[in-house]
């Protein structure tokens, strides 16, 4: 199996990294399909550098694990990222930014709070009541946030600079050598008309540009999955094709 970066297999990394395969399980994106993942533990020396290299090779992080789809008969999951310098703020995106111009985005340490958890529960109960995270307790959420061996942060969104003001959105993100990787984001479902999900992605694109980071990683676009199709809206978008990042075709 190739993972797209020879640096990962230099002697120092070869001693630390061990890759494994999950057992086949029902695919959460495509009906009737089975999925498998390749994964490795990120609790290794120089974890941030390893994580960055793996992200550039199509891996995602979940707590202390980096994983990538490795399905033998399907290649629908494609890692995608926004090239920040070339991103186009269309009229639609400018409207979204204006609609949310009163929001204050505050980066904080990746430490779980009860306020974040209450917001997450409202979001899951409204948007993903049948999903795998629906029964998540506070301790589960705290583990999701804190069990990260790499540089992570949470961007909190409020309509005030007061940190005691109601939380209306939050994004758990990793800081890579070449960008920001959005691990998971959630928002107040009562404010869906404000397009907060879109706004948080746009805010991350602006944040990356401010810090000179060239990419925002959005996870996987899944060909044939309606719930993952929204990622094609962020144009231009790069897709990992084998071992090469290429501009996604507009007619896909």
Protein backbone atom coordinates (compact mmCIF):
# COMPACT_ATOMS: atom_id res chain seq x y z
CA UNK A 1 0.00 0.00 0.00
CA UNK A 2 1.37 3.43 -0.95
CA UNK A 3 0.72 6.49 1.19
CA UNK A 4 2.15 9.13 -1.09
CA UNK A 5 5.19 10.46 0.81
CA UNK A 6 8.53 8.72 1.01
CA UNK A 7 9.47 10.76 4.10
CA UNK A 8 7.10 8.60 6.11
CA UNK A 9 9.25 5.58 5.45
CA UNK A 10 12.63 6.99 6.33
CA UNK A 11 14.28 5.03 9.17
CA UNK A 12 13.09 7.23 12.07
CA UNK A 13 9.46 7.08 11.01
CA UNK A 14 9.61 3.43 10.03
CA UNK A 15 10.46 2.50 13.61
CA UNK A 16 7.56 4.54 15.04
CA UNK A 17 4.69 4.01 12.58
CA UNK A 18 2.70 0.82 12.28
CA UNK A 19 -0.25 0.69 9.91
CA UNK A 20 -3.29 -1.51 10.45
CA UNK A 21 -6.55 -2.30 8.66
CA UNK A 22 -10.03 -2.24 10.13
CA UNK A 23 -12.45 -5.10 9.56
CA UNK A 24 -15.09 -4.55 6.83
CA UNK A 25 -18.11 -2.55 8.04
CA UNK A 26 -21.18 -0.97 6.41
CA UNK A 27 -20.28 2.22 4.55
CA UNK A 28 -21.90 5.29 6.14
CA UNK A 29 -21.97 7.14 2.82
CA UNK A 30 -22.92 4.68 0.06
CA UNK A 31 -25.78 2.22 0.48
CA UNK A 32 -24.89 -1.42 0.07
CA UNK A 33 -21.15 -0.83 0.22
CA UNK A 34 -18.61 -2.02 2.80
CA UNK A 35 -15.72 0.09 4.03
CA UNK A 36 -12.26 -0.57 5.38
CA UNK A 37 -9.73 1.91 6.72
CA UNK A 38 -5.98 1.97 7.05
CA UNK A 39 -4.92 3.61 10.30
CA UNK A 40 -1.96 4.36 12.51
CA UNK A 41 -1.34 5.77 15.97
CA UNK A 42 -0.22 9.40 16.04
CA UNK A 43 1.28 9.15 19.52
CA UNK A 44 4.80 9.00 18.10
CA UNK A 45 7.89 11.19 18.25
CA UNK A 46 7.54 14.33 16.12
CA UNK A 47 3.77 13.74 15.92
CA UNK A 48 3.00 17.13 14.33
CA UNK A 49 5.37 16.52 11.43
CA UNK A 50 4.02 13.00 10.93
CA UNK A 51 0.45 14.26 11.05
CA UNK A 52 1.18 16.91 8.43
CA UNK A 53 2.78 14.38 6.11
CA UNK A 54 -0.11 11.95 6.54
CA UNK A 55 -2.66 14.71 5.90
CA UNK A 56 -0.90 15.59 2.67
CA UNK A 57 -1.24 11.89 1.77
CA UNK A 58 -5.00 11.79 2.33
CA UNK A 59 -5.26 10.81 6.00
CA UNK A 60 -7.66 12.31 8.55
CA UNK A 61 -7.37 12.45 12.31
CA UNK A 62 -9.79 11.02 14.87
CA UNK A 63 -8.53 11.51 18.44
CA UNK A 64 -5.07 9.91 18.45
CA UNK A 65 -5.53 7.98 15.22
CA UNK A 66 -4.83 8.92 11.59
CA UNK A 67 -6.92 6.98 9.09
CA UNK A 68 -7.60 6.76 5.37
CA UNK A 69 -10.18 4.77 3.37
CA UNK A 70 -8.72 1.55 1.98
CA UNK A 71 -11.70 -0.15 0.39
CA UNK A 72 -10.63 -2.88 -2.08
CA UNK A 73 -13.44 -2.34 -4.61
CA UNK A 74 -14.26 1.35 -4.20
CA UNK A 75 -12.39 4.61 -4.58
CA UNK A 76 -15.27 7.05 -4.03
CA UNK A 77 -13.75 8.83 -1.00
CA UNK A 78 -11.43 11.61 -2.12
CA UNK A 79 -9.46 13.87 0.18
CA UNK A 80 -10.11 17.54 -0.68
CA UNK A 81 -8.61 20.84 0.33
CA UNK A 82 -9.11 24.52 -0.52
CA UNK A 83 -6.10 26.32 -2.04
CA UNK A 84 -6.40 29.48 0.04
CA UNK A 85 -4.59 31.87 -2.28
CA UNK A 86 -6.80 31.01 -5.26
CA UNK A 87 -10.12 30.73 -3.43
CA UNK A 88 -12.91 32.81 -4.96
CA UNK A 89 -15.20 34.75 -2.61
CA UNK A 90 -18.23 34.81 -4.89
CA UNK A 91 -21.27 37.01 -4.35
CA UNK A 92 -22.86 34.14 -2.44
CA UNK A 93 -19.90 33.85 -0.07
CA UNK A 94 -19.69 37.61 0.42
CA UNK A 95 -23.38 37.59 1.38
CA UNK A 96 -22.69 34.83 3.89
CA UNK A 97 -19.86 36.86 5.42
CA UNK A 98 -22.02 40.00 5.61
CA UNK A 99 -24.88 38.04 7.18
CA UNK A 100 -22.52 36.96 9.95
CA UNK A 101 -20.39 40.09 10.21
CA UNK A 102 -21.33 40.51 13.90
CA UNK A 103 -19.83 37.14 14.85
CA UNK A 104 -16.63 37.11 16.90
CA UNK A 105 -14.38 34.09 16.25
CA UNK A 106 -12.10 33.20 19.16
CA UNK A 107 -9.42 30.47 18.98
CA UNK A 108 -9.06 28.66 22.31
CA UNK A 109 -7.13 25.66 23.59
CA UNK A 110 -8.50 22.27 22.62
CA UNK A 111 -10.18 21.68 25.98
CA UNK A 112 -13.78 20.49 26.17
CA UNK A 113 -16.31 22.69 27.98
CA UNK A 114 -19.89 22.07 29.05
CA UNK A 115 -20.97 24.99 26.87
CA UNK A 116 -19.47 23.35 23.79
CA UNK A 117 -21.02 20.02 24.68
CA UNK A 118 -24.53 21.46 25.14
CA UNK A 119 -24.27 23.08 21.72
CA UNK A 120 -23.00 19.84 20.18
CA UNK A 121 -25.93 17.89 21.62
CA UNK A 122 -28.47 20.35 20.18
CA UNK A 123 -26.73 20.13 16.83
CA UNK A 124 -26.64 16.32 16.79
CA UNK A 125 -30.25 15.95 17.95
CA UNK A 126 -31.41 18.19 15.10
CA UNK A 127 -29.01 17.30 12.29
CA UNK A 128 -27.65 13.80 13.00
CA UNK A 129 -30.03 12.06 15.39
CA UNK A 130 -29.33 8.68 13.73
CA UNK A 131 -25.58 9.16 13.49
CA UNK A 132 -22.86 7.39 15.39
CA UNK A 133 -22.26 10.41 17.67
CA UNK A 134 -25.89 10.84 18.75
CA UNK A 135 -25.38 9.11 22.11
CA UNK A 136 -22.14 10.88 22.92
CA UNK A 137 -21.80 11.85 26.58
CA UNK A 138 -19.67 14.69 27.91
CA UNK A 139 -16.79 12.34 28.72
CA UNK A 140 -16.89 11.01 25.14
CA UNK A 141 -16.78 14.57 23.80
CA UNK A 142 -13.94 15.48 26.18
CA UNK A 143 -11.96 12.49 24.92
CA UNK A 144 -12.62 13.47 21.30
CA UNK A 145 -11.19 16.92 21.99
CA UNK A 146 -8.36 16.20 24.40
CA UNK A 147 -6.95 12.94 23.04
CA UNK A 148 -5.00 14.70 20.35
CA UNK A 149 -1.23 14.23 20.25
CA UNK A 150 -0.92 17.02 17.66
CA UNK A 151 -1.40 20.78 17.63
CA UNK A 152 -5.15 21.43 17.76
CA UNK A 153 -7.45 24.28 18.66
CA UNK A 154 -11.14 25.07 18.91
CA UNK A 155 -12.50 28.18 17.22
CA UNK A 156 -15.55 29.40 19.15
CA UNK A 157 -18.13 31.65 17.51
CA UNK A 158 -20.27 34.15 19.43
CA UNK A 159 -22.17 37.34 18.76
CA UNK A 160 -20.05 39.06 21.40
CA UNK A 161 -16.45 39.27 22.57
CA UNK A 162 -17.68 38.17 26.00
CA UNK A 163 -16.64 34.52 26.45
CA UNK A 164 -19.65 34.05 28.73
CA UNK A 165 -22.01 34.97 25.89
CA UNK A 166 -23.99 32.16 24.21
CA UNK A 167 -21.89 29.93 21.97
CA UNK A 168 -23.43 29.63 18.49
CA UNK A 169 -20.74 27.64 16.71
CA UNK A 170 -17.49 25.77 17.25
CA UNK A 171 -14.88 24.15 15.02
CA UNK A 172 -12.26 21.65 16.17
CA UNK A 173 -9.27 22.13 13.89
CA UNK A 174 -5.70 20.90 13.57
CA UNK A 175 -2.78 23.13 12.64
CA UNK A 176 -0.66 21.53 9.92
CA UNK A 177 2.58 22.73 8.40
CA UNK A 178 0.69 23.66 5.23
CA UNK A 179 -2.76 24.61 6.48
CA UNK A 180 -5.70 24.08 8.78
CA UNK A 181 -7.56 20.77 8.90
CA UNK A 182 -11.20 21.07 9.99
CA UNK A 183 -11.80 17.97 12.11
CA UNK A 184 -15.39 18.63 13.21
CA UNK A 185 -17.68 21.67 13.39
CA UNK A 186 -21.13 22.23 14.84
CA UNK A 187 -23.49 25.14 15.37
CA UNK A 188 -26.82 26.25 16.81
CA UNK A 189 -29.46 24.58 14.59
CA UNK A 190 -31.91 27.41 15.33
CA UNK A 191 -29.65 29.71 13.34
CA UNK A 192 -29.49 27.56 10.21
CA UNK A 193 -30.76 30.44 8.06
CA UNK A 194 -27.46 32.21 8.68
CA UNK A 195 -25.49 29.42 6.94
CA UNK A 196 -23.17 29.04 9.91
CA UNK A 197 -21.67 25.83 8.53
CA UNK A 198 -20.58 27.68 5.39
CA UNK A 199 -19.48 30.67 7.42
CA UNK A 200 -17.12 28.64 9.59
CA UNK A 201 -15.40 27.21 6.51
CA UNK A 202 -15.08 30.68 5.00
CA UNK A 203 -13.72 32.01 8.29
CA UNK A 204 -11.11 29.23 8.32
CA UNK A 205 -10.08 30.15 4.78
CA UNK A 206 -9.62 33.76 5.90
CA UNK A 207 -7.79 32.61 9.05
CA UNK A 208 -5.40 30.46 7.01
CA UNK A 209 -4.71 33.37 4.66
CA UNK A 210 -3.96 35.66 7.59
CA UNK A 211 -1.40 33.20 8.95
CA UNK A 212 0.17 32.44 5.57
CA UNK A 213 -1.12 28.86 5.45
CA UNK A 214 -1.82 27.68 1.88
CA UNK A 215 -4.61 25.14 2.46
CA UNK A 216 -7.78 24.34 4.40
CA UNK A 217 -8.41 20.60 4.51
CA UNK A 218 -12.10 19.63 4.40
CA UNK A 219 -11.86 15.87 4.78
CA UNK A 220 -13.39 13.57 2.20
CA UNK A 221 -15.65 14.29 -0.72
CA UNK A 222 -17.54 11.10 -1.52
CA UNK A 223 -18.60 10.63 -5.12
CA UNK A 224 -22.27 9.60 -5.08
CA UNK A 225 -23.02 10.74 -1.51
CA UNK A 226 -25.45 13.69 -1.39
CA UNK A 227 -24.56 14.61 2.19
CA UNK A 228 -20.90 15.08 1.28
CA UNK A 229 -21.51 16.89 -1.98
CA UNK A 230 -21.55 20.34 -0.34
CA UNK A 231 -17.74 20.41 -0.38
CA UNK A 232 -17.76 20.99 -4.14
CA UNK A 233 -19.17 24.48 -3.48
CA UNK A 234 -15.80 25.77 -2.31
CA UNK A 235 -14.07 26.61 -5.53
CA UNK A 236 -11.40 26.10 -6.56
CA UNK A 237 -11.01 22.78 -4.77
CA UNK A 238 -8.09 20.38 -4.93
CA UNK A 239 -8.60 16.62 -4.82
CA UNK A 240 -6.00 13.97 -4.06
CA UNK A 241 -5.86 11.73 -7.12
CA UNK A 242 -3.63 8.81 -6.23
CA UNK A 243 -0.50 10.55 -4.95
CA UNK A 244 -1.06 13.90 -6.66
CA UNK A 245 -3.19 16.89 -5.65
CA UNK A 246 -5.11 18.15 -8.69
CA UNK A 247 -7.72 20.79 -9.32
CA UNK A 248 -11.14 19.17 -9.17
CA UNK A 249 -13.01 19.40 -12.45
CA UNK A 250 -16.07 21.65 -12.30
CA UNK A 251 -18.18 19.07 -14.15
CA UNK A 252 -17.65 16.21 -11.67
